[in-house]
Amino acid sequence: MISQQSRLVAITRTVLIAGWLAAVGLPPVILLRARTEWLNDLGRPEVQEQWDAFRIDMQKQTGRDGTVQRKVPKSTEPPLRVWLRDYHWLAIAAWILFGTVLSFFTGLMVMGTVRQIVTPPFLAEVSREPERLRSVGDRPEKGLQ
């Protein structure tokens, strides 16, 4: 029975580690592989023309009276292009950090649940019962001190 319990815990731990590796490792790899193609697509003249048209439209809307005041984007390039070119490592680092923290706490909850299933509370109390009785019998009486 104990070997099956420890086996369940080991399998759960292995699945959690494999899930963590997949969740933390795959998205950055996919991003790095697709990044070059996306940058090439975003470097096309028609994408730049769309961005320039958007900026011109924002410039026209800045002077209008209304409930929303528009700000003209400062960048002359589309934001996704700047992000993919200059800040992709920051995104990968944030993904790994937050993914690891989330996986760690999820793993704690899952392992706690599995251990609770493997060793129910009433069995844990029964296994501690002889130790508690032994410690009570070893105490000296108050009158003998």
Foldseek 3Di string as FASTA:
>chain_A
DVVVLVVLLVVLVVVLVVVLCCQLPVVLVVLVVCLVVVLVVQPDPVNLVVLVVVLVVLVVQQPDDDDDHGDRDPDSGDPVNCCSVPPSVVVSVVSNVVSVVVSVVVSVVVSVVSVCVSQPPVNVCVVCVVVVVVVVVPDDDPVVD
